N, C-alpha and C. Protein backbone atom coordinates (compact mmCIF):
# COMPACT_ATOMS: atom_id res chain seq x y z
N MET A 1 -14.53 -7.49 12.78
CA MET A 1 -13.20 -6.98 12.55
C MET A 1 -12.51 -7.78 11.44
N LYS A 2 -12.87 -9.06 11.34
CA LYS A 2 -12.25 -9.89 10.32
C LYS A 2 -12.63 -9.41 8.92
N ALA A 3 -13.90 -9.10 8.71
CA ALA A 3 -14.34 -8.62 7.39
C ALA A 3 -13.71 -7.27 7.06
N THR A 4 -13.60 -6.40 8.06
CA THR A 4 -12.99 -5.10 7.85
C THR A 4 -11.51 -5.25 7.49
N SER A 5 -10.82 -6.16 8.15
CA SER A 5 -9.40 -6.36 7.85
C SER A 5 -9.21 -6.89 6.44
N ILE A 6 -10.12 -7.73 5.96
CA ILE A 6 -10.03 -8.23 4.60
C ILE A 6 -10.24 -7.08 3.60
N LEU A 7 -11.20 -6.20 3.89
CA LEU A 7 -11.43 -5.04 3.02
C LEU A 7 -10.23 -4.10 3.00
N ILE A 8 -9.61 -3.88 4.16
CA ILE A 8 -8.43 -3.01 4.23
C ILE A 8 -7.28 -3.62 3.43
N THR A 9 -7.10 -4.94 3.55
CA THR A 9 -6.04 -5.61 2.80
C THR A 9 -6.27 -5.51 1.30
N LEU A 10 -7.51 -5.74 0.87
CA LEU A 10 -7.83 -5.64 -0.56
C LEU A 10 -7.64 -4.21 -1.07
N ALA A 11 -8.00 -3.22 -0.26
CA ALA A 11 -7.78 -1.83 -0.66
C ALA A 11 -6.29 -1.53 -0.81
N GLY A 12 -5.48 -2.03 0.11
CA GLY A 12 -4.04 -1.83 0.01
C GLY A 12 -3.44 -2.48 -1.22
N ILE A 13 -3.91 -3.68 -1.56
CA ILE A 13 -3.43 -4.36 -2.76
C ILE A 13 -3.86 -3.59 -4.01
N ALA A 14 -5.09 -3.07 -4.00
CA ALA A 14 -5.57 -2.29 -5.15
C ALA A 14 -4.74 -1.01 -5.32
N ILE A 15 -4.40 -0.36 -4.22
CA ILE A 15 -3.57 0.86 -4.28
C ILE A 15 -2.20 0.53 -4.86
N MET A 16 -1.61 -0.59 -4.41
CA MET A 16 -0.29 -0.97 -4.92
C MET A 16 -0.34 -1.28 -6.41
N ILE A 17 -1.36 -2.02 -6.85
CA ILE A 17 -1.48 -2.35 -8.28
C ILE A 17 -1.65 -1.08 -9.10
N TYR A 18 -2.51 -0.18 -8.64
CA TYR A 18 -2.72 1.09 -9.34
C TYR A 18 -1.42 1.86 -9.47
N CYS A 19 -0.67 1.94 -8.39
CA CYS A 19 0.58 2.71 -8.42
C CYS A 19 1.64 2.05 -9.29
N LEU A 20 1.69 0.73 -9.31
CA LEU A 20 2.67 0.05 -10.15
C LEU A 20 2.33 0.19 -11.64
N ILE A 21 1.04 0.32 -11.97
CA ILE A 21 0.65 0.45 -13.37
C ILE A 21 0.79 1.90 -13.85
N TYR A 22 0.32 2.86 -13.07
CA TYR A 22 0.20 4.24 -13.55
C TYR A 22 1.37 5.15 -13.18
N PHE A 23 2.22 4.75 -12.26
CA PHE A 23 3.38 5.55 -11.92
C PHE A 23 4.62 4.77 -12.30
N ARG A 24 5.51 5.38 -13.07
CA ARG A 24 6.73 4.69 -13.48
C ARG A 24 7.93 5.36 -12.80
N PRO A 25 8.96 4.58 -12.49
CA PRO A 25 10.14 5.18 -11.86
C PRO A 25 10.90 6.07 -12.83
N ALA A 26 11.46 7.15 -12.30
CA ALA A 26 12.27 8.07 -13.10
C ALA A 26 13.47 8.50 -12.27
N LEU A 27 14.63 8.42 -12.86
CA LEU A 27 15.84 8.83 -12.16
C LEU A 27 16.01 10.33 -12.30
N ASN A 28 16.35 10.95 -11.21
CA ASN A 28 16.59 12.39 -11.21
C ASN A 28 18.07 12.59 -10.93
N ALA A 29 18.80 13.07 -11.90
CA ALA A 29 20.25 13.21 -11.75
C ALA A 29 20.64 14.29 -10.75
N VAL A 30 19.76 15.26 -10.53
CA VAL A 30 20.09 16.36 -9.65
C VAL A 30 19.87 15.98 -8.19
N ASP A 31 18.70 15.39 -7.91
CA ASP A 31 18.38 15.00 -6.54
C ASP A 31 18.75 13.55 -6.31
N SER A 32 18.98 13.20 -5.06
CA SER A 32 19.24 11.81 -4.73
C SER A 32 17.95 11.10 -4.30
N ASP A 33 16.82 11.80 -4.38
CA ASP A 33 15.55 11.21 -3.98
C ASP A 33 15.05 10.25 -5.05
N ALA A 34 14.30 9.25 -4.60
CA ALA A 34 13.65 8.34 -5.53
C ALA A 34 12.31 8.96 -5.90
N LEU A 35 12.13 9.28 -7.16
CA LEU A 35 10.90 9.91 -7.62
C LEU A 35 10.24 9.04 -8.67
N THR A 36 8.96 9.28 -8.88
CA THR A 36 8.24 8.61 -9.95
C THR A 36 7.61 9.67 -10.84
N ALA A 37 7.30 9.29 -12.04
CA ALA A 37 6.63 10.20 -12.96
C ALA A 37 5.17 9.77 -13.07
N ASN A 38 4.28 10.72 -12.87
CA ASN A 38 2.86 10.39 -12.98
C ASN A 38 2.47 10.31 -14.45
N PRO A 39 1.24 9.87 -14.76
CA PRO A 39 0.85 9.72 -16.17
C PRO A 39 0.96 11.00 -17.00
N LYS A 40 0.88 12.17 -16.39
CA LYS A 40 1.00 13.43 -17.12
C LYS A 40 2.45 13.83 -17.33
N GLY A 41 3.40 13.10 -16.76
CA GLY A 41 4.81 13.39 -16.95
C GLY A 41 5.45 14.15 -15.81
N GLY A 42 4.68 14.58 -14.83
CA GLY A 42 5.23 15.32 -13.69
C GLY A 42 5.93 14.41 -12.71
N MET A 43 6.90 14.95 -12.03
CA MET A 43 7.65 14.17 -11.04
C MET A 43 6.92 14.19 -9.70
N THR A 44 6.70 13.03 -9.12
CA THR A 44 6.06 12.91 -7.81
C THR A 44 6.88 11.96 -6.95
N SER A 45 6.62 11.99 -5.66
CA SER A 45 7.32 11.08 -4.75
C SER A 45 6.70 9.69 -4.82
N GLU A 46 7.31 8.74 -4.16
CA GLU A 46 6.82 7.38 -4.15
C GLU A 46 5.86 7.12 -2.99
N TRP A 47 5.25 8.12 -2.42
CA TRP A 47 4.34 7.95 -1.29
C TRP A 47 3.13 7.09 -1.60
N PRO A 48 2.50 7.22 -2.77
CA PRO A 48 1.31 6.37 -3.01
C PRO A 48 1.60 4.88 -2.89
N LEU A 49 2.72 4.41 -3.41
CA LEU A 49 3.08 3.00 -3.29
C LEU A 49 3.34 2.63 -1.84
N PHE A 50 4.00 3.51 -1.10
CA PHE A 50 4.26 3.26 0.31
C PHE A 50 2.95 3.15 1.09
N VAL A 51 1.99 4.01 0.77
CA VAL A 51 0.69 3.97 1.44
C VAL A 51 -0.02 2.65 1.16
N GLY A 52 0.08 2.15 -0.06
CA GLY A 52 -0.52 0.86 -0.40
C GLY A 52 0.11 -0.28 0.38
N ILE A 53 1.43 -0.27 0.50
CA ILE A 53 2.13 -1.30 1.26
C ILE A 53 1.75 -1.22 2.73
N LEU A 54 1.69 -0.02 3.27
CA LEU A 54 1.33 0.17 4.67
C LEU A 54 -0.11 -0.26 4.95
N THR A 55 -1.03 0.07 4.05
CA THR A 55 -2.42 -0.32 4.21
C THR A 55 -2.57 -1.84 4.17
N THR A 56 -1.86 -2.50 3.29
CA THR A 56 -1.89 -3.96 3.22
C THR A 56 -1.37 -4.57 4.51
N PHE A 57 -0.27 -4.05 5.03
CA PHE A 57 0.30 -4.55 6.27
C PHE A 57 -0.66 -4.38 7.44
N VAL A 58 -1.32 -3.23 7.51
CA VAL A 58 -2.28 -2.98 8.60
C VAL A 58 -3.46 -3.95 8.50
N GLY A 59 -3.96 -4.18 7.29
CA GLY A 59 -5.06 -5.11 7.11
C GLY A 59 -4.70 -6.53 7.52
N ILE A 60 -3.49 -6.98 7.14
CA ILE A 60 -3.04 -8.32 7.52
C ILE A 60 -2.86 -8.42 9.03
N THR A 61 -2.33 -7.37 9.65
CA THR A 61 -2.17 -7.37 11.10
C THR A 61 -3.51 -7.45 11.81
N PHE A 62 -4.49 -6.66 11.36
CA PHE A 62 -5.83 -6.72 11.95
C PHE A 62 -6.44 -8.11 11.78
N PHE A 63 -6.20 -8.74 10.64
CA PHE A 63 -6.74 -10.07 10.39
C PHE A 63 -6.20 -11.07 11.41
N PHE A 64 -4.88 -11.05 11.64
CA PHE A 64 -4.29 -12.00 12.59
C PHE A 64 -4.70 -11.69 14.02
N VAL A 65 -4.90 -10.42 14.35
CA VAL A 65 -5.39 -10.06 15.68
C VAL A 65 -6.80 -10.58 15.87
N ALA A 66 -7.64 -10.45 14.85
CA ALA A 66 -9.02 -10.95 14.93
C ALA A 66 -9.03 -12.47 15.06
N MET A 67 -8.16 -13.15 14.35
CA MET A 67 -8.11 -14.61 14.44
C MET A 67 -7.62 -15.07 15.80
N SER A 68 -6.63 -14.39 16.38
CA SER A 68 -6.13 -14.79 17.69
C SER A 68 -7.14 -14.45 18.79
N ALA A 69 -7.88 -13.36 18.62
CA ALA A 69 -8.91 -13.02 19.60
C ALA A 69 -10.05 -14.03 19.56
N LYS A 70 -10.34 -14.57 18.40
CA LYS A 70 -11.38 -15.57 18.25
C LYS A 70 -10.98 -16.87 18.94
N LYS A 71 -9.69 -17.23 18.86
CA LYS A 71 -9.20 -18.45 19.49
C LYS A 71 -9.22 -18.35 21.02
N THR A 72 -8.92 -17.16 21.55
CA THR A 72 -8.88 -17.00 23.00
C THR A 72 -10.28 -16.95 23.61
N GLN A 73 -11.29 -16.63 22.81
CA GLN A 73 -12.66 -16.57 23.33
C GLN A 73 -13.27 -17.95 23.47
N LYS A 74 -12.76 -18.95 22.77
CA LYS A 74 -13.33 -20.30 22.83
C LYS A 74 -13.00 -21.01 24.09
């Protein structure tokens, strides 16, 4: 579980880096939503960045659960 949690954390960090590089923020005067513009210029939501943050958090949580389970088994 420890190795899997490290892979999940690295995947989440990679998703966040990808989204920060390829999606730029764009203000939409009509809507109050926070939108981003994809590389082709289309407006998209900020879900990809949120998914990266969530994946990183889940990986870190699994890592600490694996470490605490290892301590209780000794």
